[in-house]
Amino acid sequence: MEQTDGTLDKVNQNQHMARCCRLCGEEYEYERWKLGYKMCLSCGDEMAKKVVRCVVPMHKSNYVLITDKDLLTGVNQKGGIVK
């Protein structure tokens, strides 16, 4: 809420500061902030492109999330990672 002297009250100042992107500093949508995102859509998209994930099944076991490409070498050779 804007006060009579043209300044923002303390509650709205905190919401405004929290809605600034942590990477570029631009303000983003309130709905996105309510969902818990701390960065704007374009910066979030760039960050998501940097992380590469792959899910692989292990022999007689469960699925394992792999984020390092080197770990995929020899995976699922009936005993784990073989190099």
PDB file of N, CA and C in Angstrom:
ATOM      1  N   MET A   1       0.831  -1.177   0.000  1.00  0.00           N
ATOM      2  CA  MET A   1       0.000   0.000   0.000  1.00  0.00           C
ATOM      3  C   MET A   1       0.877   1.243   0.000  1.00  0.00           C
ATOM      4  N   GLU A   2       0.484   2.198  -0.747  1.00  0.00           N
ATOM      5  CA  GLU A   2       1.221   3.447  -0.798  1.00  0.00           C
ATOM      6  C   GLU A   2       0.693   4.387   0.276  1.00  0.00           C
ATOM      7  N   GLN A   3       1.612   4.970   1.005  1.00  0.00           N
ATOM      8  CA  GLN A   3       1.216   5.898   2.053  1.00  0.00           C
ATOM      9  C   GLN A   3       1.014   7.276   1.445  1.00  0.00           C
ATOM     10  N   THR A   4       0.550   8.207   2.264  1.00  0.00           N
ATOM     11  CA  THR A   4       0.221   9.542   1.753  1.00  0.00           C
ATOM     12  C   THR A   4       1.445  10.301   1.261  1.00  0.00           C
ATOM     13  N   ASP A   5       2.643   9.998   1.761  1.00  0.00           N
ATOM     14  CA  ASP A   5       3.829  10.716   1.314  1.00  0.00           C
ATOM     15  C   ASP A   5       4.477  10.085   0.086  1.00  0.00           C
ATOM     16  N   GLY A   6       3.878   9.047  -0.507  1.00  0.00           N
ATOM     17  CA  GLY A   6       4.365   8.439  -1.740  1.00  0.00           C
ATOM     18  C   GLY A   6       5.325   7.277  -1.533  1.00  0.00           C
ATOM     19  N   THR A   7       5.617   6.898  -0.304  1.00  0.00           N
ATOM     20  CA  THR A   7       6.515   5.775  -0.051  1.00  0.00           C
ATOM     21  C   THR A   7       5.701   4.510   0.157  1.00  0.00           C
ATOM     22  N   LEU A   8       6.358   3.385  -0.017  1.00  0.00           N
ATOM     23  CA  LEU A   8       5.710   2.102   0.215  1.00  0.00           C
ATOM     24  C   LEU A   8       5.806   1.747   1.690  1.00  0.00           C
ATOM     25  N   ASP A   9       4.756   1.105   2.227  1.00  0.00           N
ATOM     26  CA  ASP A   9       4.869   0.658   3.609  1.00  0.00           C
ATOM     27  C   ASP A   9       5.831  -0.525   3.687  1.00  0.00           C
ATOM     28  N   LYS A  10       6.221  -0.926   4.887  1.00  0.00           N
ATOM     29  CA  LYS A  10       7.271  -1.921   5.097  1.00  0.00           C
ATOM     30  C   LYS A  10       6.898  -3.290   4.516  1.00  0.00           C
ATOM     31  N   VAL A  11       5.642  -3.703   4.619  1.00  0.00           N
ATOM     32  CA  VAL A  11       5.215  -5.000   4.101  1.00  0.00           C
ATOM     33  C   VAL A  11       5.381  -5.047   2.590  1.00  0.00           C
ATOM     34  N   ASN A  12       4.922  -4.039   1.883  1.00  0.00           N
ATOM     35  CA  ASN A  12       5.025  -4.031   0.433  1.00  0.00           C
ATOM     36  C   ASN A  12       6.467  -3.870  -0.029  1.00  0.00           C
ATOM     37  N   GLN A  13       7.307  -3.181   0.733  1.00  0.00           N
ATOM     38  CA  GLN A  13       8.709  -3.065   0.375  1.00  0.00           C
ATOM     39  C   GLN A  13       9.366  -4.436   0.421  1.00  0.00           C
ATOM     40  N   ASN A  14       9.060  -5.240   1.441  1.00  0.00           N
ATOM     41  CA  ASN A  14       9.641  -6.576   1.543  1.00  0.00           C
ATOM     42  C   ASN A  14       9.174  -7.474   0.412  1.00  0.00           C
ATOM     43  N   GLN A  15       7.900  -7.395   0.031  1.00  0.00           N
ATOM     44  CA  GLN A  15       7.408  -8.200  -1.082  1.00  0.00           C
ATOM     45  C   GLN A  15       8.066  -7.765  -2.383  1.00  0.00           C
ATOM     46  N   HIS A  16       8.259  -6.474  -2.562  1.00  0.00           N
ATOM     47  CA  HIS A  16       8.889  -5.980  -3.784  1.00  0.00           C
ATOM     48  C   HIS A  16      10.328  -6.463  -3.869  1.00  0.00           C
ATOM     49  N   MET A  17      11.067  -6.432  -2.780  1.00  0.00           N
ATOM     50  CA  MET A  17      12.458  -6.869  -2.781  1.00  0.00           C
ATOM     51  C   MET A  17      12.550  -8.372  -3.004  1.00  0.00           C
ATOM     52  N   ALA A  18      11.623  -9.134  -2.459  1.00  0.00           N
ATOM     53  CA  ALA A  18      11.661 -10.586  -2.595  1.00  0.00           C
ATOM     54  C   ALA A  18      11.345 -11.018  -4.018  1.00  0.00           C
ATOM     55  N   ARG A  19      10.659 -10.188  -4.784  1.00  0.00           N
ATOM     56  CA  ARG A  19      10.260 -10.570  -6.134  1.00  0.00           C
ATOM     57  C   ARG A  19      11.288 -10.177  -7.173  1.00  0.00           C
ATOM     58  N   CYS A  20      12.462  -9.746  -6.784  1.00  0.00           N
ATOM     59  CA  CYS A  20      13.519  -9.436  -7.738  1.00  0.00           C
ATOM     60  C   CYS A  20      14.334 -10.698  -7.990  1.00  0.00           C
ATOM     61  N   CYS A  21      14.658 -10.933  -9.239  1.00  0.00           N
ATOM     62  CA  CYS A  21      15.421 -12.115  -9.637  1.00  0.00           C
ATOM     63  C   CYS A  21      16.796 -12.099  -8.973  1.00  0.00           C
ATOM     64  N   ARG A  22      17.232 -13.237  -8.479  1.00  0.00           N
ATOM     65  CA  ARG A  22      18.534 -13.329  -7.823  1.00  0.00           C
ATOM     66  C   ARG A  22      19.689 -13.251  -8.813  1.00  0.00           C
ATOM     67  N   LEU A  23      19.441 -13.520 -10.080  1.00  0.00           N
ATOM     68  CA  LEU A  23      20.521 -13.499 -11.062  1.00  0.00           C
ATOM     69  C   LEU A  23      20.609 -12.170 -11.803  1.00  0.00           C
ATOM     70  N   CYS A  24      19.495 -11.706 -12.346  1.00  0.00           N
ATOM     71  CA  CYS A  24      19.543 -10.487 -13.165  1.00  0.00           C
ATOM     72  C   CYS A  24      19.010  -9.255 -12.448  1.00  0.00           C
ATOM     73  N   GLY A  25      18.280  -9.435 -11.343  1.00  0.00           N
ATOM     74  CA  GLY A  25      17.766  -8.316 -10.583  1.00  0.00           C
ATOM     75  C   GLY A  25      16.453  -7.740 -11.081  1.00  0.00           C
ATOM     76  N   GLU A  26      15.907  -8.293 -12.147  1.00  0.00           N
ATOM     77  CA  GLU A  26      14.628  -7.814 -12.680  1.00  0.00           C
ATOM     78  C   GLU A  26      13.475  -8.321 -11.817  1.00  0.00           C
ATOM     79  N   GLU A  27      12.405  -7.552 -11.774  1.00  0.00           N
ATOM     80  CA  GLU A  27      11.215  -7.965 -11.037  1.00  0.00           C
ATOM     81  C   GLU A  27      10.418  -8.951 -11.889  1.00  0.00           C
ATOM     82  N   TYR A  28       9.868  -9.981 -11.235  1.00  0.00           N
ATOM     83  CA  TYR A  28       9.064 -10.964 -11.965  1.00  0.00           C
ATOM     84  C   TYR A  28       7.689 -11.089 -11.322  1.00  0.00           C
ATOM     85  N   GLU A  29       6.837 -11.942 -11.887  1.00  0.00           N
ATOM     86  CA  GLU A  29       5.435 -12.029 -11.508  1.00  0.00           C
ATOM     87  C   GLU A  29       5.260 -12.487 -10.061  1.00  0.00           C
ATOM     88  N   TYR A  30       4.252 -11.928  -9.420  1.00  0.00           N
ATOM     89  CA  TYR A  30       3.937 -12.262  -8.029  1.00  0.00           C
ATOM     90  C   TYR A  30       3.533 -13.728  -7.892  1.00  0.00           C
ATOM     91  N   GLU A  31       2.807 -14.267  -8.864  1.00  0.00           N
ATOM     92  CA  GLU A  31       2.355 -15.661  -8.802  1.00  0.00           C
ATOM     93  C   GLU A  31       3.551 -16.608  -8.799  1.00  0.00           C
ATOM     94  N   ARG A  32       4.574 -16.288  -9.576  1.00  0.00           N
ATOM     95  CA  ARG A  32       5.784 -17.109  -9.623  1.00  0.00           C
ATOM     96  C   ARG A  32       6.503 -17.052  -8.268  1.00  0.00           C
ATOM     97  N   TRP A  33       6.545 -15.892  -7.652  1.00  0.00           N
ATOM     98  CA  TRP A  33       7.166 -15.730  -6.342  1.00  0.00           C
ATOM     99  C   TRP A  33       6.409 -16.528  -5.282  1.00  0.00           C
ATOM    100  N   LYS A  34       5.059 -16.523  -5.367  1.00  0.00           N
ATOM    101  CA  LYS A  34       4.242 -17.273  -4.410  1.00  0.00           C
ATOM    102  C   LYS A  34       4.511 -18.765  -4.500  1.00  0.00           C
ATOM    103  N   LEU A  35       4.852 -19.263  -5.683  1.00  0.00           N
ATOM    104  CA  LEU A  35       5.152 -20.686  -5.849  1.00  0.00           C
ATOM    105  C   LEU A  35       6.522 -21.066  -5.291  1.00  0.00           C
ATOM    106  N   GLY A  36       7.329 -20.073  -4.948  1.00  0.00           N
ATOM    107  CA  GLY A  36       8.623 -20.361  -4.337  1.00  0.00           C
ATOM    108  C   GLY A  36       9.818 -20.157  -5.237  1.00  0.00           C
ATOM    109  N   TYR A  37       9.606 -19.704  -6.450  1.00  0.00           N
ATOM    110  CA  TYR A  37      10.727 -19.467  -7.362  1.00  0.00           C
ATOM    111  C   TYR A  37      11.444 -18.184  -6.980  1.00  0.00           C
ATOM    112  N   LYS A  38      12.760 -18.200  -7.003  1.00  0.00           N
ATOM    113  CA  LYS A  38      13.560 -17.046  -6.606  1.00  0.00           C
ATOM    114  C   LYS A  38      14.205 -16.342  -7.789  1.00  0.00           C
ATOM    115  N   MET A  39      13.834 -16.731  -9.004  1.00  0.00           N
ATOM    116  CA  MET A  39      14.386 -16.079 -10.190  1.00  0.00           C
ATOM    117  C   MET A  39      13.319 -15.973 -11.276  1.00  0.00           C
ATOM    118  N   CYS A  40      13.554 -15.078 -12.223  1.00  0.00           N
ATOM    119  CA  CYS A  40      12.585 -14.858 -13.289  1.00  0.00           C
ATOM    120  C   CYS A  40      12.557 -16.062 -14.233  1.00  0.00           C
ATOM    121  N   LEU A  41      11.593 -16.088 -15.123  1.00  0.00           N
ATOM    122  CA  LEU A  41      11.391 -17.222 -16.006  1.00  0.00           C
ATOM    123  C   LEU A  41      12.559 -17.417 -16.960  1.00  0.00           C
ATOM    124  N   SER A  42      13.090 -16.336 -17.535  1.00  0.00           N
ATOM    125  CA  SER A  42      14.186 -16.474 -18.501  1.00  0.00           C
ATOM    126  C   SER A  42      15.463 -16.967 -17.824  1.00  0.00           C
ATOM    127  N   CYS A  43      15.786 -16.454 -16.627  1.00  0.00           N
ATOM    128  CA  CYS A  43      16.974 -16.928 -15.902  1.00  0.00           C
ATOM    129  C   CYS A  43      16.784 -18.374 -15.438  1.00  0.00           C
ATOM    130  N   GLY A  44      15.578 -18.713 -15.007  1.00  0.00           N
ATOM    131  CA  GLY A  44      15.282 -20.079 -14.597  1.00  0.00           C
ATOM    132  C   GLY A  44      15.402 -21.055 -15.749  1.00  0.00           C
ATOM    133  N   ASP A  45      15.008 -20.624 -16.927  1.00  0.00           N
ATOM    134  CA  ASP A  45      15.136 -21.463 -18.114  1.00  0.00           C
ATOM    135  C   ASP A  45      16.599 -21.711 -18.454  1.00  0.00           C
ATOM    136  N   GLU A  46      17.424 -20.676 -18.353  1.00  0.00           N
ATOM    137  CA  GLU A  46      18.854 -20.827 -18.615  1.00  0.00           C
ATOM    138  C   GLU A  46      19.507 -21.761 -17.603  1.00  0.00           C
ATOM    139  N   MET A  47      19.119 -21.652 -16.332  1.00  0.00           N
ATOM    140  CA  MET A  47      19.679 -22.530 -15.303  1.00  0.00           C
ATOM    141  C   MET A  47      19.256 -23.981 -15.535  1.00  0.00           C
ATOM    142  N   ALA A  48      18.027 -24.193 -15.973  1.00  0.00           N
ATOM    143  CA  ALA A  48      17.540 -25.553 -16.214  1.00  0.00           C
ATOM    144  C   ALA A  48      18.258 -26.201 -17.385  1.00  0.00           C
ATOM    145  N   LYS A  49      18.666 -25.412 -18.360  1.00  0.00           N
ATOM    146  CA  LYS A  49      19.384 -25.962 -19.509  1.00  0.00           C
ATOM    147  C   LYS A  49      20.796 -26.395 -19.142  1.00  0.00           C
ATOM    148  N   LYS A  50      21.374 -25.821 -18.110  1.00  0.00           N
ATOM    149  CA  LYS A  50      22.733 -26.164 -17.710  1.00  0.00           C
ATOM    150  C   LYS A  50      22.813 -27.508 -17.008  1.00  0.00           C
ATOM    151  N   VAL A  51      21.746 -27.921 -16.319  1.00  0.00           N
ATOM    152  CA  VAL A  51      21.746 -29.166 -15.566  1.00  0.00           C
ATOM    153  C   VAL A  51      21.228 -30.281 -16.454  1.00  0.00           C
ATOM    154  N   VAL A  52      22.036 -31.320 -16.612  1.00  0.00           N
ATOM    155  CA  VAL A  52      21.641 -32.457 -17.442  1.00  0.00           C
ATOM    156  C   VAL A  52      21.493 -33.666 -16.527  1.00  0.00           C
ATOM    157  N   ARG A  53      20.366 -34.329 -16.628  1.00  0.00           N
ATOM    158  CA  ARG A  53      20.086 -35.490 -15.781  1.00  0.00           C
ATOM    159  C   ARG A  53      19.700 -36.681 -16.649  1.00  0.00           C
ATOM    160  N   CYS A  54      19.998 -37.839 -16.136  1.00  0.00           N
ATOM    161  CA  CYS A  54      19.636 -39.075 -16.830  1.00  0.00           C
ATOM    162  C   CYS A  54      19.298 -40.114 -15.770  1.00  0.00           C
ATOM    163  N   VAL A  55      18.230 -40.838 -15.971  1.00  0.00           N
ATOM    164  CA  VAL A  55      17.842 -41.902 -15.049  1.00  0.00           C
ATOM    165  C   VAL A  55      18.157 -43.228 -15.717  1.00  0.00           C
ATOM    166  N   VAL A  56      18.939 -44.071 -15.020  1.00  0.00           N
ATOM    167  CA  VAL A  56      19.326 -45.361 -15.584  1.00  0.00           C
ATOM    168  C   VAL A  56      18.913 -46.479 -14.627  1.00  0.00           C
ATOM    169  N   PRO A  57      18.490 -47.614 -15.165  1.00  0.00           N
ATOM    170  CA  PRO A  57      18.173 -48.754 -14.299  1.00  0.00           C
ATOM    171  C   PRO A  57      19.445 -49.527 -13.962  1.00  0.00           C
ATOM    172  N   MET A  58      19.615 -49.877 -12.702  1.00  0.00           N
ATOM    173  CA  MET A  58      20.750 -50.701 -12.283  1.00  0.00           C
ATOM    174  C   MET A  58      20.318 -52.159 -12.311  1.00  0.00           C
ATOM    175  N   HIS A  59      21.265 -53.058 -12.526  1.00  0.00           N
ATOM    176  CA  HIS A  59      20.976 -54.486 -12.620  1.00  0.00           C
ATOM    177  C   HIS A  59      20.438 -55.016 -11.293  1.00  0.00           C
ATOM    178  N   LYS A  60      19.271 -55.621 -11.331  1.00  0.00           N
ATOM    179  CA  LYS A  60      18.596 -56.185 -10.165  1.00  0.00           C
ATOM    180  C   LYS A  60      18.476 -55.174  -9.029  1.00  0.00           C
ATOM    181  N   SER A  61      18.184 -53.937  -9.374  1.00  0.00           N
ATOM    182  CA  SER A  61      18.084 -52.894  -8.372  1.00  0.00           C
ATOM    183  C   SER A  61      17.067 -51.865  -8.831  1.00  0.00           C
ATOM    184  N   ASN A  62      17.205 -50.665  -8.337  1.00  0.00           N
ATOM    185  CA  ASN A  62      16.269 -49.601  -8.674  1.00  0.00           C
ATOM    186  C   ASN A  62      16.877 -48.662  -9.713  1.00  0.00           C
ATOM    187  N   TYR A  63      16.174 -47.598 -10.010  1.00  0.00           N
ATOM    188  CA  TYR A  63      16.664 -46.589 -10.939  1.00  0.00           C
ATOM    189  C   TYR A  63      17.558 -45.599 -10.194  1.00  0.00           C
ATOM    190  N   VAL A  64      18.595 -45.122 -10.886  1.00  0.00           N
ATOM    191  CA  VAL A  64      19.564 -44.206 -10.283  1.00  0.00           C
ATOM    192  C   VAL A  64      19.629 -42.946 -11.136  1.00  0.00           C
ATOM    193  N   LEU A  65      19.628 -41.798 -10.465  1.00  0.00           N
ATOM    194  CA  LEU A  65      19.741 -40.514 -11.149  1.00  0.00           C
ATOM    195  C   LEU A  65      21.220 -40.203 -11.345  1.00  0.00           C
ATOM    196  N   ILE A  66      21.625 -39.975 -12.591  1.00  0.00           N
ATOM    197  CA  ILE A  66      23.013 -39.666 -12.934  1.00  0.00           C
ATOM    198  C   ILE A  66      23.067 -38.232 -13.451  1.00  0.00           C
ATOM    199  N   THR A  67      23.957 -37.422 -12.870  1.00  0.00           N
ATOM    200  CA  THR A  67      24.134 -36.049 -13.339  1.00  0.00           C
ATOM    201  C   THR A  67      25.500 -35.821 -13.952  1.00  0.00           C
ATOM    202  N   ASP A  68      26.427 -36.761 -13.799  1.00  0.00           N
ATOM    203  CA  ASP A  68      27.766 -36.648 -14.364  1.00  0.00           C
ATOM    204  C   ASP A  68      27.900 -37.629 -15.518  1.00  0.00           C
ATOM    205  N   LYS A  69      28.271 -37.143 -16.680  1.00  0.00           N
ATOM    206  CA  LYS A  69      28.339 -37.987 -17.872  1.00  0.00           C
ATOM    207  C   LYS A  69      29.391 -39.087 -17.735  1.00  0.00           C
ATOM    208  N   ASP A  70      30.458 -38.828 -16.995  1.00  0.00           N
ATOM    209  CA  ASP A  70      31.500 -39.839 -16.808  1.00  0.00           C
ATOM    210  C   ASP A  70      30.998 -41.056 -16.034  1.00  0.00           C
ATOM    211  N   LEU A  71      29.993 -40.869 -15.194  1.00  0.00           N
ATOM    212  CA  LEU A  71      29.450 -41.981 -14.424  1.00  0.00           C
ATOM    213  C   LEU A  71      28.644 -42.947 -15.285  1.00  0.00           C
ATOM    214  N   LEU A  72      28.254 -42.513 -16.465  1.00  0.00           N
ATOM    215  CA  LEU A  72      27.481 -43.390 -17.356  1.00  0.00           C
ATOM    216  C   LEU A  72      28.355 -44.450 -18.022  1.00  0.00           C
ATOM    217  N   THR A  73      29.665 -44.276 -17.987  1.00  0.00           N
ATOM    218  CA  THR A  73      30.575 -45.241 -18.600  1.00  0.00           C
ATOM    219  C   THR A  73      30.566 -46.537 -17.804  1.00  0.00           C
ATOM    220  N   GLY A  74      30.071 -47.574 -18.389  1.00  0.00           N
ATOM    221  CA  GLY A  74      30.068 -48.874 -17.743  1.00  0.00           C
ATOM    222  C   GLY A  74      28.947 -49.112 -16.764  1.00  0.00           C
ATOM    223  N   VAL A  75      27.987 -48.228 -16.669  1.00  0.00           N
ATOM    224  CA  VAL A  75      26.865 -48.450 -15.759  1.00  0.00           C
ATOM    225  C   VAL A  75      26.032 -49.609 -16.265  1.00  0.00           C
ATOM    226  N   ASN A  76      25.482 -50.364 -15.336  1.00  0.00           N
ATOM    227  CA  ASN A  76      24.599 -51.491 -15.622  1.00  0.00           C
ATOM    228  C   ASN A  76      25.355 -52.666 -16.247  1.00  0.00           C
ATOM    229  N   GLN A  77      26.564 -52.888 -15.799  1.00  0.00           N
ATOM    230  CA  GLN A  77      27.326 -54.046 -16.251  1.00  0.00           C
ATOM    231  C   GLN A  77      27.305 -55.148 -15.181  1.00  0.00           C
ATOM    232  N   LYS A  78      26.118 -55.391 -14.620  1.00  0.00           N
ATOM    233  CA  LYS A  78      25.892 -56.453 -13.626  1.00  0.00           C
ATOM    234  C   LYS A  78      26.840 -56.315 -12.447  1.00  0.00           C
ATOM    235  N   GLY A  79      26.878 -55.158 -11.883  1.00  0.00           N
ATOM    236  CA  GLY A  79      27.723 -55.002 -10.713  1.00  0.00           C
ATOM    237  C   GLY A  79      28.083 -53.556 -10.435  1.00  0.00           C
ATOM    238  N   GLY A  80      27.676 -52.671 -11.297  1.00  0.00           N
ATOM    239  CA  GLY A  80      27.938 -51.267 -11.018  1.00  0.00           C
ATOM    240  C   GLY A  80      28.767 -50.613 -12.096  1.00  0.00           C
ATOM    241  N   ILE A  81      29.570 -49.673 -11.670  1.00  0.00           N
ATOM    242  CA  ILE A  81      30.337 -48.863 -12.595  1.00  0.00           C
ATOM    243  C   ILE A  81      31.653 -49.569 -12.939  1.00  0.00           C
ATOM    244  N   VAL A  82      31.875 -49.790 -14.220  1.00  0.00           N
ATOM    245  CA  VAL A  82      33.098 -50.422 -14.719  1.00  0.00           C
ATOM    246  C   VAL A  82      33.772 -49.458 -15.652  1.00  0.00           C
ATOM    247  N   LYS A  83      35.048 -49.227 -15.432  1.00  0.00           N
ATOM    248  CA  LYS A  83      35.782 -48.304 -16.326  1.00  0.00           C
ATOM    249  C   LYS A  83      36.890 -49.017 -17.041  1.00  0.00           C
TER     250      LYS A  83
END
